[in-house]
Amino acid sequence: MRTWQIQEAKAQLSELLRDSERSGPQEITWHGRSVAVVLSKADYERLSGAGRSLVEFMQGSPLFDRDDIDLSRDDSPAREVDF
């Protein structure tokens, strides 16, 4: 990951964006400390799960296809409430 000082990132924004697409995330520092990371749109969508359907999301769950999960509902009556 390449590191850019903030003034360099501002002055060379086009190059920073191109590098994020070609080489991956780009780190931006301010006064010597890391403050941001620039990602390509493709990397962002991959990491955030954007564009996945609910079915794909559920199939990606660690609980998917497990036989030991009890999904039955409690049939007991609801509690009484005084008004």
PDB file of N, CA and C in Angstrom:
ATOM      1  N   MET A   1       0.854  -1.171   0.000  1.00  0.00           N
ATOM      2  CA  MET A   1       0.000   0.000   0.000  1.00  0.00           C
ATOM      3  C   MET A   1       0.899   1.231   0.000  1.00  0.00           C
ATOM      4  N   ARG A   2       0.666   2.098  -0.948  1.00  0.00           N
ATOM      5  CA  ARG A   2       1.440   3.328  -1.011  1.00  0.00           C
ATOM      6  C   ARG A   2       0.887   4.340  -0.012  1.00  0.00           C
ATOM      7  N   THR A   3       1.775   5.109   0.582  1.00  0.00           N
ATOM      8  CA  THR A   3       1.379   6.144   1.534  1.00  0.00           C
ATOM      9  C   THR A   3       1.573   7.516   0.911  1.00  0.00           C
ATOM     10  N   TRP A   4       0.560   8.343   1.025  1.00  0.00           N
ATOM     11  CA  TRP A   4       0.570   9.709   0.486  1.00  0.00           C
ATOM     12  C   TRP A   4       0.416  10.697   1.627  1.00  0.00           C
ATOM     13  N   GLN A   5       1.219  11.747   1.620  1.00  0.00           N
ATOM     14  CA  GLN A   5       0.975  12.855   2.536  1.00  0.00           C
ATOM     15  C   GLN A   5      -0.232  13.613   1.996  1.00  0.00           C
ATOM     16  N   ILE A   6      -0.990  14.227   2.868  1.00  0.00           N
ATOM     17  CA  ILE A   6      -2.249  14.831   2.444  1.00  0.00           C
ATOM     18  C   ILE A   6      -2.048  15.909   1.372  1.00  0.00           C
ATOM     19  N   GLN A   7      -1.005  16.712   1.495  1.00  0.00           N
ATOM     20  CA  GLN A   7      -0.784  17.751   0.486  1.00  0.00           C
ATOM     21  C   GLN A   7      -0.436  17.143  -0.871  1.00  0.00           C
ATOM     22  N   GLU A   8       0.278  16.022  -0.865  1.00  0.00           N
ATOM     23  CA  GLU A   8       0.609  15.317  -2.100  1.00  0.00           C
ATOM     24  C   GLU A   8      -0.659  14.683  -2.699  1.00  0.00           C
ATOM     25  N   ALA A   9      -1.512  14.126  -1.850  1.00  0.00           N
ATOM     26  CA  ALA A   9      -2.756  13.518  -2.318  1.00  0.00           C
ATOM     27  C   ALA A   9      -3.670  14.556  -2.955  1.00  0.00           C
ATOM     28  N   LYS A  10      -3.738  15.741  -2.359  1.00  0.00           N
ATOM     29  CA  LYS A  10      -4.563  16.814  -2.932  1.00  0.00           C
ATOM     30  C   LYS A  10      -4.013  17.274  -4.271  1.00  0.00           C
ATOM     31  N   ALA A  11      -2.721  17.409  -4.359  1.00  0.00           N
ATOM     32  CA  ALA A  11      -2.098  17.919  -5.585  1.00  0.00           C
ATOM     33  C   ALA A  11      -2.141  16.894  -6.724  1.00  0.00           C
ATOM     34  N   GLN A  12      -2.162  15.610  -6.378  1.00  0.00           N
ATOM     35  CA  GLN A  12      -2.101  14.569  -7.397  1.00  0.00           C
ATOM     36  C   GLN A  12      -3.287  13.608  -7.261  1.00  0.00           C
ATOM     37  N   LEU A  13      -4.475  14.167  -7.086  1.00  0.00           N
ATOM     38  CA  LEU A  13      -5.669  13.363  -6.858  1.00  0.00           C
ATOM     39  C   LEU A  13      -5.915  12.358  -7.982  1.00  0.00           C
ATOM     40  N   SER A  14      -5.747  12.767  -9.221  1.00  0.00           N
ATOM     41  CA  SER A  14      -5.977  11.853 -10.348  1.00  0.00           C
ATOM     42  C   SER A  14      -5.059  10.635 -10.269  1.00  0.00           C
ATOM     43  N   GLU A  15      -3.796  10.866  -9.960  1.00  0.00           N
ATOM     44  CA  GLU A  15      -2.852   9.755  -9.841  1.00  0.00           C
ATOM     45  C   GLU A  15      -3.213   8.860  -8.656  1.00  0.00           C
ATOM     46  N   LEU A  16      -3.613   9.458  -7.549  1.00  0.00           N
ATOM     47  CA  LEU A  16      -4.028   8.705  -6.372  1.00  0.00           C
ATOM     48  C   LEU A  16      -5.192   7.772  -6.725  1.00  0.00           C
ATOM     49  N   LEU A  17      -6.176   8.287  -7.450  1.00  0.00           N
ATOM     50  CA  LEU A  17      -7.333   7.474  -7.832  1.00  0.00           C
ATOM     51  C   LEU A  17      -6.945   6.354  -8.796  1.00  0.00           C
ATOM     52  N   ARG A  18      -6.085   6.665  -9.770  1.00  0.00           N
ATOM     53  CA  ARG A  18      -5.613   5.637 -10.704  1.00  0.00           C
ATOM     54  C   ARG A  18      -4.868   4.530  -9.949  1.00  0.00           C
ATOM     55  N   ASP A  19      -4.009   4.929  -9.021  1.00  0.00           N
ATOM     56  CA  ASP A  19      -3.254   3.940  -8.247  1.00  0.00           C
ATOM     57  C   ASP A  19      -4.174   3.069  -7.387  1.00  0.00           C
ATOM     58  N   SER A  20      -5.266   3.651  -6.883  1.00  0.00           N
ATOM     59  CA  SER A  20      -6.191   2.849  -6.072  1.00  0.00           C
ATOM     60  C   SER A  20      -6.872   1.783  -6.925  1.00  0.00           C
ATOM     61  N   GLU A  21      -7.107   2.093  -8.207  1.00  0.00           N
ATOM     62  CA  GLU A  21      -7.689   1.092  -9.105  1.00  0.00           C
ATOM     63  C   GLU A  21      -6.667   0.036  -9.524  1.00  0.00           C
ATOM     64  N   ARG A  22      -5.462   0.474  -9.828  1.00  0.00           N
ATOM     65  CA  ARG A  22      -4.424  -0.443 -10.330  1.00  0.00           C
ATOM     66  C   ARG A  22      -3.760  -1.259  -9.244  1.00  0.00           C
ATOM     67  N   SER A  23      -3.396  -0.596  -8.148  1.00  0.00           N
ATOM     68  CA  SER A  23      -2.531  -1.227  -7.145  1.00  0.00           C
ATOM     69  C   SER A  23      -3.219  -1.547  -5.832  1.00  0.00           C
ATOM     70  N   GLY A  24      -4.456  -1.122  -5.669  1.00  0.00           N
ATOM     71  CA  GLY A  24      -5.162  -1.389  -4.421  1.00  0.00           C
ATOM     72  C   GLY A  24      -5.216  -0.173  -3.521  1.00  0.00           C
ATOM     73  N   PRO A  25      -5.591  -0.362  -2.266  1.00  0.00           N
ATOM     74  CA  PRO A  25      -5.788   0.744  -1.323  1.00  0.00           C
ATOM     75  C   PRO A  25      -4.569   1.658  -1.204  1.00  0.00           C
ATOM     76  N   GLN A  26      -4.845   2.949  -1.012  1.00  0.00           N
ATOM     77  CA  GLN A  26      -3.817   3.975  -0.854  1.00  0.00           C
ATOM     78  C   GLN A  26      -4.036   4.675   0.487  1.00  0.00           C
ATOM     79  N   GLU A  27      -2.992   4.760   1.277  1.00  0.00           N
ATOM     80  CA  GLU A  27      -3.080   5.370   2.606  1.00  0.00           C
ATOM     81  C   GLU A  27      -2.759   6.854   2.523  1.00  0.00           C
ATOM     82  N   ILE A  28      -3.491   7.677   3.275  1.00  0.00           N
ATOM     83  CA  ILE A  28      -3.227   9.116   3.344  1.00  0.00           C
ATOM     84  C   ILE A  28      -2.859   9.459   4.783  1.00  0.00           C
ATOM     85  N   THR A  29      -1.763  10.200   4.923  1.00  0.00           N
ATOM     86  CA  THR A  29      -1.323  10.615   6.256  1.00  0.00           C
ATOM     87  C   THR A  29      -1.438  12.120   6.404  1.00  0.00           C
ATOM     88  N   TRP A  30      -1.576  12.543   7.643  1.00  0.00           N
ATOM     89  CA  TRP A  30      -1.658  13.963   7.969  1.00  0.00           C
ATOM     90  C   TRP A  30      -0.805  14.178   9.206  1.00  0.00           C
ATOM     91  N   HIS A  31       0.224  14.995   9.074  1.00  0.00           N
ATOM     92  CA  HIS A  31       1.187  15.232  10.160  1.00  0.00           C
ATOM     93  C   HIS A  31       1.788  13.921  10.660  1.00  0.00           C
ATOM     94  N   GLY A  32       2.039  13.000   9.731  1.00  0.00           N
ATOM     95  CA  GLY A  32       2.713  11.764  10.067  1.00  0.00           C
ATOM     96  C   GLY A  32       1.839  10.640  10.595  1.00  0.00           C
ATOM     97  N   ARG A  33       0.540  10.884  10.753  1.00  0.00           N
ATOM     98  CA  ARG A  33      -0.309   9.787  11.226  1.00  0.00           C
ATOM     99  C   ARG A  33      -1.347   9.434  10.174  1.00  0.00           C
ATOM    100  N   SER A  34      -1.646   8.163  10.092  1.00  0.00           N
ATOM    101  CA  SER A  34      -2.588   7.661   9.099  1.00  0.00           C
ATOM    102  C   SER A  34      -3.997   8.161   9.422  1.00  0.00           C
ATOM    103  N   VAL A  35      -4.658   8.776   8.416  1.00  0.00           N
ATOM    104  CA  VAL A  35      -6.000   9.314   8.650  1.00  0.00           C
ATOM    105  C   VAL A  35      -7.059   8.760   7.702  1.00  0.00           C
ATOM    106  N   ALA A  36      -6.651   8.185   6.574  1.00  0.00           N
ATOM    107  CA  ALA A  36      -7.634   7.699   5.609  1.00  0.00           C
ATOM    108  C   ALA A  36      -7.015   6.666   4.688  1.00  0.00           C
ATOM    109  N   VAL A  37      -7.887   5.891   4.061  1.00  0.00           N
ATOM    110  CA  VAL A  37      -7.490   4.941   3.034  1.00  0.00           C
ATOM    111  C   VAL A  37      -8.436   5.122   1.862  1.00  0.00           C
ATOM    112  N   VAL A  38      -7.895   5.251   0.669  1.00  0.00           N
ATOM    113  CA  VAL A  38      -8.695   5.394  -0.548  1.00  0.00           C
ATOM    114  C   VAL A  38      -8.759   4.023  -1.219  1.00  0.00           C
ATOM    115  N   LEU A  39     -10.000   3.581  -1.488  1.00  0.00           N
ATOM    116  CA  LEU A  39     -10.236   2.294  -2.136  1.00  0.00           C
ATOM    117  C   LEU A  39     -10.860   2.505  -3.503  1.00  0.00           C
ATOM    118  N   SER A  40     -10.627   1.578  -4.400  1.00  0.00           N
ATOM    119  CA  SER A  40     -11.352   1.605  -5.666  1.00  0.00           C
ATOM    120  C   SER A  40     -12.796   1.216  -5.386  1.00  0.00           C
ATOM    121  N   LYS A  41     -13.685   1.574  -6.294  1.00  0.00           N
ATOM    122  CA  LYS A  41     -15.099   1.223  -6.156  1.00  0.00           C
ATOM    123  C   LYS A  41     -15.260  -0.299  -6.090  1.00  0.00           C
ATOM    124  N   ALA A  42     -14.519  -1.032  -6.904  1.00  0.00           N
ATOM    125  CA  ALA A  42     -14.606  -2.492  -6.914  1.00  0.00           C
ATOM    126  C   ALA A  42     -14.196  -3.077  -5.561  1.00  0.00           C
ATOM    127  N   ASP A  43     -13.115  -2.567  -4.976  1.00  0.00           N
ATOM    128  CA  ASP A  43     -12.673  -3.046  -3.658  1.00  0.00           C
ATOM    129  C   ASP A  43     -13.720  -2.732  -2.599  1.00  0.00           C
ATOM    130  N   TYR A  44     -14.284  -1.532  -2.650  1.00  0.00           N
ATOM    131  CA  TYR A  44     -15.307  -1.142  -1.683  1.00  0.00           C
ATOM    132  C   TYR A  44     -16.521  -2.069  -1.765  1.00  0.00           C
ATOM    133  N   GLU A  45     -17.003  -2.323  -2.980  1.00  0.00           N
ATOM    134  CA  GLU A  45     -18.174  -3.188  -3.145  1.00  0.00           C
ATOM    135  C   GLU A  45     -17.888  -4.612  -2.686  1.00  0.00           C
ATOM    136  N   ARG A  46     -16.682  -5.096  -2.963  1.00  0.00           N
ATOM    137  CA  ARG A  46     -16.313  -6.436  -2.515  1.00  0.00           C
ATOM    138  C   ARG A  46     -16.295  -6.519  -1.000  1.00  0.00           C
ATOM    139  N   LEU A  47     -15.733  -5.498  -0.337  1.00  0.00           N
ATOM    140  CA  LEU A  47     -15.620  -5.516   1.114  1.00  0.00           C
ATOM    141  C   LEU A  47     -16.947  -5.253   1.816  1.00  0.00           C
ATOM    142  N   SER A  48     -17.795  -4.420   1.223  1.00  0.00           N
ATOM    143  CA  SER A  48     -19.055  -4.067   1.873  1.00  0.00           C
ATOM    144  C   SER A  48     -20.177  -5.037   1.542  1.00  0.00           C
ATOM    145  N   GLY A  49     -19.972  -5.879   0.542  1.00  0.00           N
ATOM    146  CA  GLY A  49     -21.021  -6.818   0.164  1.00  0.00           C
ATOM    147  C   GLY A  49     -22.112  -6.175  -0.671  1.00  0.00           C
ATOM    148  N   ALA A  50     -21.880  -4.979  -1.161  1.00  0.00           N
ATOM    149  CA  ALA A  50     -22.875  -4.292  -1.990  1.00  0.00           C
ATOM    150  C   ALA A  50     -23.146  -5.107  -3.241  1.00  0.00           C
ATOM    151  N   GLY A  51     -24.390  -5.127  -3.653  1.00  0.00           N
ATOM    152  CA  GLY A  51     -24.760  -5.830  -4.863  1.00  0.00           C
ATOM    153  C   GLY A  51     -25.128  -7.287  -4.640  1.00  0.00           C
ATOM    154  N   ARG A  52     -24.967  -7.773  -3.410  1.00  0.00           N
ATOM    155  CA  ARG A  52     -25.355  -9.158  -3.124  1.00  0.00           C
ATOM    156  C   ARG A  52     -26.836  -9.204  -2.757  1.00  0.00           C
ATOM    157  N   SER A  53     -27.501 -10.243  -3.187  1.00  0.00           N
ATOM    158  CA  SER A  53     -28.909 -10.422  -2.830  1.00  0.00           C
ATOM    159  C   SER A  53     -29.005 -10.931  -1.395  1.00  0.00           C
ATOM    160  N   LEU A  54     -30.196 -10.888  -0.842  1.00  0.00           N
ATOM    161  CA  LEU A  54     -30.404 -11.388   0.509  1.00  0.00           C
ATOM    162  C   LEU A  54     -30.088 -12.881   0.584  1.00  0.00           C
ATOM    163  N   VAL A  55     -30.441 -13.608  -0.451  1.00  0.00           N
ATOM    164  CA  VAL A  55     -30.163 -15.049  -0.487  1.00  0.00           C
ATOM    165  C   VAL A  55     -28.653 -15.292  -0.447  1.00  0.00           C
ATOM    166  N   GLU A  56     -27.883 -14.546  -1.246  1.00  0.00           N
ATOM    167  CA  GLU A  56     -26.422 -14.697  -1.242  1.00  0.00           C
ATOM    168  C   GLU A  56     -25.838 -14.340   0.115  1.00  0.00           C
ATOM    169  N   PHE A  57     -26.388 -13.290   0.738  1.00  0.00           N
ATOM    170  CA  PHE A  57     -25.934 -12.883   2.065  1.00  0.00           C
ATOM    171  C   PHE A  57     -26.187 -13.999   3.084  1.00  0.00           C
ATOM    172  N   MET A  58     -27.382 -14.562   3.058  1.00  0.00           N
ATOM    173  CA  MET A  58     -27.732 -15.629   4.000  1.00  0.00           C
ATOM    174  C   MET A  58     -26.896 -16.875   3.750  1.00  0.00           C
ATOM    175  N   GLN A  59     -26.631 -17.198   2.488  1.00  0.00           N
ATOM    176  CA  GLN A  59     -25.821 -18.368   2.175  1.00  0.00           C
ATOM    177  C   GLN A  59     -24.378 -18.188   2.619  1.00  0.00           C
ATOM    178  N   GLY A  60     -23.933 -16.944   2.774  1.00  0.00           N
ATOM    179  CA  GLY A  60     -22.582 -16.663   3.247  1.00  0.00           C
ATOM    180  C   GLY A  60     -22.454 -16.723   4.757  1.00  0.00           C
ATOM    181  N   SER A  61     -23.567 -16.902   5.446  1.00  0.00           N
ATOM    182  CA  SER A  61     -23.559 -16.955   6.905  1.00  0.00           C
ATOM    183  C   SER A  61     -22.891 -18.226   7.412  1.00  0.00           C
ATOM    184  N   PRO A  62     -22.167 -18.148   8.533  1.00  0.00           N
ATOM    185  CA  PRO A  62     -21.580 -19.359   9.103  1.00  0.00           C
ATOM    186  C   PRO A  62     -22.651 -20.333   9.605  1.00  0.00           C
ATOM    187  N   LEU A  63     -23.897 -19.854   9.764  1.00  0.00           N
ATOM    188  CA  LEU A  63     -24.981 -20.710  10.228  1.00  0.00           C
ATOM    189  C   LEU A  63     -25.690 -21.420   9.081  1.00  0.00           C
ATOM    190  N   PHE A  64     -25.339 -21.082   7.845  1.00  0.00           N
ATOM    191  CA  PHE A  64     -25.996 -21.678   6.684  1.00  0.00           C
ATOM    192  C   PHE A  64     -25.750 -23.183   6.630  1.00  0.00           C
ATOM    193  N   ASP A  65     -26.822 -23.909   6.359  1.00  0.00           N
ATOM    194  CA  ASP A  65     -26.756 -25.360   6.145  1.00  0.00           C
ATOM    195  C   ASP A  65     -26.370 -26.143   7.402  1.00  0.00           C
ATOM    196  N   ARG A  66     -26.686 -25.590   8.582  1.00  0.00           N
ATOM    197  CA  ARG A  66     -26.434 -26.315   9.831  1.00  0.00           C
ATOM    198  C   ARG A  66     -27.705 -27.049  10.233  1.00  0.00           C
ATOM    199  N   ASP A  67     -27.566 -28.254  10.718  1.00  0.00           N
ATOM    200  CA  ASP A  67     -28.712 -29.068  11.108  1.00  0.00           C
ATOM    201  C   ASP A  67     -29.086 -28.899  12.581  1.00  0.00           C
ATOM    202  N   ASP A  68     -28.208 -28.317  13.383  1.00  0.00           N
ATOM    203  CA  ASP A  68     -28.432 -28.268  14.823  1.00  0.00           C
ATOM    204  C   ASP A  68     -29.086 -26.972  15.301  1.00  0.00           C
ATOM    205  N   ILE A  69     -29.664 -26.190  14.409  1.00  0.00           N
ATOM    206  CA  ILE A  69     -30.307 -24.929  14.787  1.00  0.00           C
ATOM    207  C   ILE A  69     -31.807 -25.161  14.931  1.00  0.00           C
ATOM    208  N   ASP A  70     -32.360 -24.782  16.076  1.00  0.00           N
ATOM    209  CA  ASP A  70     -33.780 -24.955  16.335  1.00  0.00           C
ATOM    210  C   ASP A  70     -34.524 -23.690  15.901  1.00  0.00           C
ATOM    211  N   LEU A  71     -35.327 -23.810  14.853  1.00  0.00           N
ATOM    212  CA  LEU A  71     -36.078 -22.677  14.330  1.00  0.00           C
ATOM    213  C   LEU A  71     -37.566 -22.761  14.663  1.00  0.00           C
ATOM    214  N   SER A  72     -37.951 -23.659  15.593  1.00  0.00           N
ATOM    215  CA  SER A  72     -39.363 -23.780  15.959  1.00  0.00           C
ATOM    216  C   SER A  72     -39.786 -22.582  16.804  1.00  0.00           C
ATOM    217  N   ARG A  73     -41.082 -22.258  16.698  1.00  0.00           N
ATOM    218  CA  ARG A  73     -41.617 -21.120  17.439  1.00  0.00           C
ATOM    219  C   ARG A  73     -42.225 -21.577  18.754  1.00  0.00           C
ATOM    220  N   ASP A  74     -42.214 -20.703  19.729  1.00  0.00           N
ATOM    221  CA  ASP A  74     -42.844 -20.974  21.016  1.00  0.00           C
ATOM    222  C   ASP A  74     -44.347 -20.755  20.842  1.00  0.00           C
ATOM    223  N   ASP A  75     -45.157 -21.805  21.097  1.00  0.00           N
ATOM    224  CA  ASP A  75     -46.608 -21.718  20.918  1.00  0.00           C
ATOM    225  C   ASP A  75     -47.343 -21.311  22.184  1.00  0.00           C
ATOM    226  N   SER A  76     -46.620 -21.014  23.248  1.00  0.00           N
ATOM    227  CA  SER A  76     -47.290 -20.640  24.491  1.00  0.00           C
ATOM    228  C   SER A  76     -47.983 -19.286  24.309  1.00  0.00           C
ATOM    229  N   PRO A  77     -49.107 -19.088  25.059  1.00  0.00           N
ATOM    230  CA  PRO A  77     -49.838 -17.825  24.910  1.00  0.00           C
ATOM    231  C   PRO A  77     -48.985 -16.636  25.376  1.00  0.00           C
ATOM    232  N   ALA A  78     -49.305 -15.490  24.850  1.00  0.00           N
ATOM    233  CA  ALA A  78     -48.595 -14.270  25.225  1.00  0.00           C
ATOM    234  C   ALA A  78     -48.970 -13.906  26.664  1.00  0.00           C
ATOM    235  N   ARG A  79     -48.145 -13.125  27.285  1.00  0.00           N
ATOM    236  CA  ARG A  79     -48.443 -12.726  28.671  1.00  0.00           C
ATOM    237  C   ARG A  79     -49.589 -11.733  28.684  1.00  0.00           C
ATOM    238  N   GLU A  80     -50.295 -11.689  29.789  1.00  0.00           N
ATOM    239  CA  GLU A  80     -51.394 -10.741  29.934  1.00  0.00           C
ATOM    240  C   GLU A  80     -50.858  -9.399  30.349  1.00  0.00           C
ATOM    241  N   VAL A  81     -51.476  -8.337  29.848  1.00  0.00           N
ATOM    242  CA  VAL A  81     -51.054  -6.983  30.170  1.00  0.00           C
ATOM    243  C   VAL A  81     -52.223  -6.239  30.768  1.00  0.00           C
ATOM    244  N   ASP A  82     -52.022  -5.578  31.907  1.00  0.00           N
ATOM    245  CA  ASP A  82     -53.077  -4.790  32.552  1.00  0.00           C
ATOM    246  C   ASP A  82     -53.075  -3.388  31.973  1.00  0.00           C
ATOM    247  N   PHE A  83     -54.225  -2.890  31.617  1.00  0.00           N
ATOM    248  CA  PHE A  83     -54.366  -1.522  31.093  1.00  0.00           C
ATOM    249  C   PHE A  83     -54.878  -0.583  32.134  1.00  0.00           C
TER     250      PHE A  83
END
